[in-house]
Structures are given as C-alpha cells and as structure tokens.
Amino acid sequence: MRAIITVVGKDMVGILAKISTVCAQHNVNVIEVSQSILQDMFCMIMLVDVSKCDIEFTAFAEGCRKLGDELHLSVNAMHEDIFNSMHRI
C-alpha cells in the first residue's frame, strides 16, 4: 500500500532528513520525492510504501502531524487512494 506525505512551511535545514527519519523508524520506504523552495517556503510531496509499516497507518500519520507541529510545518500523510480522490477533477 502506498501513501502520500505532504510538507509545507517555512524553509529550514533538515526538513527532508527529519521526515525521512520518521519513515525509516517505522519501516516506511520512500519511493519518490518532489520538493521545491518558493521564496522562503518549503514544499514537498513524498510517495511512500507503507505496506511494511510497523504501526497502524493512522498512528503513523498522527506521528507525522505531531512532528510537523513541533517544526511549525504542515505535515499530512494520507493513503494514495484518498489523495487521488481528493485531487481528481
């Protein structure tokens, strides 16, 4: 099963590393990353494989959100199907 992680907020050193560390801690494999800096705003979308995640997906998503809160970033993790449904025109 795949999921999408989005990260938006003020740019700072180590954002990608911190999000990737949370993924690695829970055996979530990063498949693809797209990121850009828009003036001083960091924007990232990660496609991840959560099929071997060692905790429930809802707990993983909540952990990502809490990390975002600590870093003053918006971090959201959602199943790929939900993401695709939300962004289908």
N, C-alpha and C. Protein backbone atom coordinates (compact mmCIF):
# COMPACT_ATOMS: atom_id res chain seq x y z
N MET A 1 0.84 -1.17 0.00
CA MET A 1 0.00 0.00 0.00
C MET A 1 0.89 1.24 0.00
N ARG A 2 0.48 2.25 -0.76
CA ARG A 2 1.26 3.47 -0.84
C ARG A 2 0.49 4.62 -0.20
N ALA A 3 1.25 5.63 0.21
CA ALA A 3 0.68 6.81 0.83
C ALA A 3 1.42 8.04 0.33
N ILE A 4 0.81 9.19 0.54
CA ILE A 4 1.39 10.47 0.17
C ILE A 4 1.63 11.26 1.45
N ILE A 5 2.82 11.83 1.57
CA ILE A 5 3.13 12.72 2.68
C ILE A 5 3.39 14.09 2.08
N THR A 6 2.67 15.10 2.56
CA THR A 6 2.91 16.47 2.10
C THR A 6 3.47 17.28 3.25
N VAL A 7 4.39 18.17 2.90
CA VAL A 7 5.03 19.03 3.90
C VAL A 7 5.08 20.45 3.34
N VAL A 8 4.57 21.41 4.10
CA VAL A 8 4.59 22.81 3.68
C VAL A 8 4.92 23.66 4.90
N GLY A 9 5.82 24.62 4.71
CA GLY A 9 6.14 25.54 5.80
C GLY A 9 7.39 26.33 5.51
N LYS A 10 7.79 27.14 6.46
CA LYS A 10 8.99 27.96 6.31
C LYS A 10 10.20 27.06 6.17
N ASP A 11 11.04 27.36 5.19
CA ASP A 11 12.22 26.55 4.92
C ASP A 11 13.22 26.61 6.08
N MET A 12 13.81 25.47 6.38
CA MET A 12 14.87 25.38 7.38
C MET A 12 15.72 24.15 7.06
N VAL A 13 16.87 24.06 7.63
CA VAL A 13 17.77 22.94 7.41
C VAL A 13 17.18 21.67 8.04
N GLY A 14 17.21 20.55 7.30
CA GLY A 14 16.91 19.25 7.87
C GLY A 14 15.48 18.75 7.75
N ILE A 15 14.61 19.46 7.05
CA ILE A 15 13.22 19.00 6.96
C ILE A 15 13.14 17.62 6.32
N LEU A 16 13.74 17.47 5.17
CA LEU A 16 13.71 16.18 4.48
C LEU A 16 14.30 15.08 5.35
N ALA A 17 15.40 15.37 6.02
CA ALA A 17 16.05 14.38 6.89
C ALA A 17 15.13 13.96 8.04
N LYS A 18 14.45 14.92 8.65
CA LYS A 18 13.59 14.59 9.79
C LYS A 18 12.37 13.77 9.38
N ILE A 19 11.76 14.11 8.26
CA ILE A 19 10.61 13.35 7.78
C ILE A 19 11.06 11.95 7.36
N SER A 20 12.18 11.87 6.66
CA SER A 20 12.71 10.57 6.24
C SER A 20 13.08 9.70 7.42
N THR A 21 13.57 10.29 8.49
CA THR A 21 13.92 9.54 9.70
C THR A 21 12.69 8.89 10.32
N VAL A 22 11.58 9.63 10.38
CA VAL A 22 10.33 9.07 10.91
C VAL A 22 9.90 7.88 10.05
N CYS A 23 10.01 8.04 8.74
CA CYS A 23 9.66 6.93 7.82
C CYS A 23 10.54 5.72 8.11
N ALA A 24 11.84 5.91 8.20
CA ALA A 24 12.76 4.80 8.43
C ALA A 24 12.51 4.12 9.78
N GLN A 25 12.17 4.91 10.80
CA GLN A 25 11.91 4.35 12.13
C GLN A 25 10.73 3.38 12.12
N HIS A 26 9.82 3.56 11.16
CA HIS A 26 8.62 2.72 11.11
C HIS A 26 8.59 1.81 9.88
N ASN A 27 9.75 1.64 9.25
CA ASN A 27 9.89 0.74 8.10
C ASN A 27 9.02 1.18 6.91
N VAL A 28 8.87 2.48 6.76
CA VAL A 28 8.15 3.06 5.62
C VAL A 28 9.20 3.45 4.58
N ASN A 29 9.06 2.90 3.38
CA ASN A 29 10.04 3.13 2.33
C ASN A 29 9.65 4.34 1.48
N VAL A 30 10.59 5.27 1.32
CA VAL A 30 10.37 6.44 0.47
C VAL A 30 10.61 6.02 -0.98
N ILE A 31 9.58 6.16 -1.81
CA ILE A 31 9.67 5.76 -3.21
C ILE A 31 10.10 6.93 -4.09
N GLU A 32 9.47 8.07 -3.86
CA GLU A 32 9.74 9.23 -4.70
C GLU A 32 9.53 10.50 -3.90
N VAL A 33 10.34 11.53 -4.21
CA VAL A 33 10.24 12.82 -3.51
C VAL A 33 10.27 13.94 -4.53
N SER A 34 9.38 14.89 -4.35
CA SER A 34 9.40 16.13 -5.14
C SER A 34 9.38 17.27 -4.14
N GLN A 35 10.32 18.18 -4.26
CA GLN A 35 10.35 19.30 -3.33
C GLN A 35 10.79 20.56 -4.05
N SER A 36 10.37 21.67 -3.53
CA SER A 36 10.81 22.95 -4.07
C SER A 36 10.76 23.99 -2.96
N ILE A 37 11.52 25.03 -3.17
CA ILE A 37 11.53 26.17 -2.27
C ILE A 37 10.92 27.34 -3.04
N LEU A 38 9.84 27.88 -2.52
CA LEU A 38 9.17 29.02 -3.13
C LEU A 38 9.42 30.22 -2.22
N GLN A 39 10.38 31.05 -2.62
CA GLN A 39 10.90 32.13 -1.79
C GLN A 39 11.41 31.51 -0.50
N ASP A 40 10.75 31.68 0.63
CA ASP A 40 11.23 31.06 1.88
C ASP A 40 10.32 29.92 2.34
N MET A 41 9.44 29.45 1.46
CA MET A 41 8.51 28.37 1.80
C MET A 41 9.00 27.04 1.22
N PHE A 42 9.03 26.03 2.07
CA PHE A 42 9.42 24.67 1.67
C PHE A 42 8.15 23.90 1.33
N CYS A 43 8.16 23.23 0.17
CA CYS A 43 7.01 22.43 -0.26
C CYS A 43 7.53 21.06 -0.72
N MET A 44 6.97 19.98 -0.17
CA MET A 44 7.44 18.64 -0.52
C MET A 44 6.27 17.67 -0.59
N ILE A 45 6.35 16.78 -1.57
CA ILE A 45 5.42 15.67 -1.67
C ILE A 45 6.25 14.40 -1.72
N MET A 46 5.94 13.44 -0.87
CA MET A 46 6.65 12.15 -0.85
C MET A 46 5.65 11.04 -1.15
N LEU A 47 6.04 10.14 -2.02
CA LEU A 47 5.28 8.91 -2.25
C LEU A 47 6.01 7.83 -1.46
N VAL A 48 5.30 7.16 -0.56
CA VAL A 48 5.93 6.17 0.31
C VAL A 48 5.17 4.85 0.27
N ASP A 49 5.88 3.78 0.55
CA ASP A 49 5.28 2.44 0.65
C ASP A 49 5.11 2.14 2.14
N VAL A 50 3.86 2.00 2.57
CA VAL A 50 3.57 1.75 3.98
C VAL A 50 3.17 0.29 4.24
N SER A 51 3.37 -0.57 3.26
CA SER A 51 2.93 -1.96 3.41
C SER A 51 3.68 -2.71 4.52
N LYS A 52 4.88 -2.26 4.88
CA LYS A 52 5.65 -2.91 5.94
C LYS A 52 5.77 -2.04 7.19
N CYS A 53 4.93 -1.02 7.27
CA CYS A 53 4.95 -0.12 8.42
C CYS A 53 4.69 -0.93 9.70
N ASP A 54 5.45 -0.65 10.74
CA ASP A 54 5.36 -1.45 11.98
C ASP A 54 4.30 -0.94 12.96
N ILE A 55 3.55 0.10 12.57
CA ILE A 55 2.44 0.59 13.38
C ILE A 55 1.25 0.82 12.45
N GLU A 56 0.07 1.02 13.04
CA GLU A 56 -1.12 1.32 12.23
C GLU A 56 -0.89 2.61 11.45
N PHE A 57 -1.44 2.67 10.25
CA PHE A 57 -1.24 3.86 9.42
C PHE A 57 -1.74 5.12 10.11
N THR A 58 -2.86 5.04 10.81
CA THR A 58 -3.39 6.23 11.50
C THR A 58 -2.40 6.75 12.55
N ALA A 59 -1.71 5.83 13.24
CA ALA A 59 -0.71 6.24 14.23
C ALA A 59 0.50 6.86 13.53
N PHE A 60 0.89 6.30 12.39
CA PHE A 60 2.00 6.87 11.61
C PHE A 60 1.65 8.28 11.15
N ALA A 61 0.44 8.45 10.61
CA ALA A 61 0.00 9.76 10.13
C ALA A 61 -0.04 10.77 11.28
N GLU A 62 -0.51 10.34 12.44
CA GLU A 62 -0.56 11.23 13.61
C GLU A 62 0.85 11.61 14.06
N GLY A 63 1.79 10.66 14.00
CA GLY A 63 3.18 10.96 14.34
C GLY A 63 3.78 11.98 13.39
N CYS A 64 3.45 11.87 12.11
CA CYS A 64 3.92 12.85 11.12
C CYS A 64 3.34 14.23 11.42
N ARG A 65 2.06 14.28 11.74
CA ARG A 65 1.41 15.55 12.06
C ARG A 65 2.04 16.20 13.29
N LYS A 66 2.32 15.38 14.32
CA LYS A 66 2.92 15.90 15.55
C LYS A 66 4.33 16.44 15.28
N LEU A 67 5.10 15.73 14.45
CA LEU A 67 6.43 16.23 14.08
C LEU A 67 6.29 17.57 13.38
N GLY A 68 5.32 17.67 12.49
CA GLY A 68 5.07 18.94 11.82
C GLY A 68 4.76 20.05 12.80
N ASP A 69 3.94 19.76 13.79
CA ASP A 69 3.60 20.76 14.82
C ASP A 69 4.87 21.22 15.54
N GLU A 70 5.74 20.28 15.89
CA GLU A 70 6.99 20.62 16.58
C GLU A 70 7.88 21.51 15.73
N LEU A 71 7.86 21.27 14.41
CA LEU A 71 8.72 22.03 13.49
C LEU A 71 8.01 23.25 12.89
N HIS A 72 6.78 23.49 13.31
CA HIS A 72 5.96 24.59 12.76
C HIS A 72 5.76 24.42 11.25
N LEU A 73 5.45 23.18 10.85
CA LEU A 73 5.18 22.83 9.46
C LEU A 73 3.83 22.13 9.38
N SER A 74 3.24 22.17 8.21
CA SER A 74 2.04 21.38 7.96
C SER A 74 2.49 20.06 7.33
N VAL A 75 2.33 18.96 8.05
CA VAL A 75 2.73 17.63 7.57
C VAL A 75 1.50 16.74 7.60
N ASN A 76 1.14 16.21 6.44
CA ASN A 76 -0.03 15.34 6.34
C ASN A 76 0.35 14.05 5.62
N ALA A 77 -0.11 12.94 6.14
CA ALA A 77 0.08 11.64 5.49
C ALA A 77 -1.30 11.06 5.22
N MET A 78 -1.51 10.62 3.98
CA MET A 78 -2.80 10.02 3.63
C MET A 78 -2.60 8.90 2.63
N HIS A 79 -3.52 7.93 2.67
CA HIS A 79 -3.46 6.83 1.71
C HIS A 79 -3.50 7.40 0.30
N GLU A 80 -2.80 6.76 -0.62
CA GLU A 80 -2.74 7.21 -2.00
C GLU A 80 -4.13 7.32 -2.62
N ASP A 81 -5.02 6.36 -2.34
CA ASP A 81 -6.36 6.40 -2.92
C ASP A 81 -7.13 7.65 -2.48
N ILE A 82 -7.01 8.02 -1.23
CA ILE A 82 -7.69 9.22 -0.73
C ILE A 82 -7.09 10.46 -1.39
N PHE A 83 -5.78 10.52 -1.48
CA PHE A 83 -5.11 11.65 -2.12
C PHE A 83 -5.59 11.78 -3.57
N ASN A 84 -5.61 10.66 -4.30
CA ASN A 84 -6.04 10.70 -5.71
C ASN A 84 -7.50 11.13 -5.83
N SER A 85 -8.35 10.67 -4.95
CA SER A 85 -9.76 11.05 -4.99
C SER A 85 -9.93 12.54 -4.72
N MET A 86 -9.17 13.07 -3.79
CA MET A 86 -9.26 14.49 -3.45
C MET A 86 -8.78 15.39 -4.58
N HIS A 87 -7.86 14.89 -5.40
CA HIS A 87 -7.25 15.73 -6.42
C HIS A 87 -7.68 15.35 -7.83
N ARG A 88 -8.74 14.62 -7.95
CA ARG A 88 -9.27 14.26 -9.27
C ARG A 88 -10.25 15.33 -9.71
N ILE A 89 -10.11 15.76 -10.94
CA ILE A 89 -11.00 16.81 -11.48
C ILE A 89 -12.14 16.18 -12.23
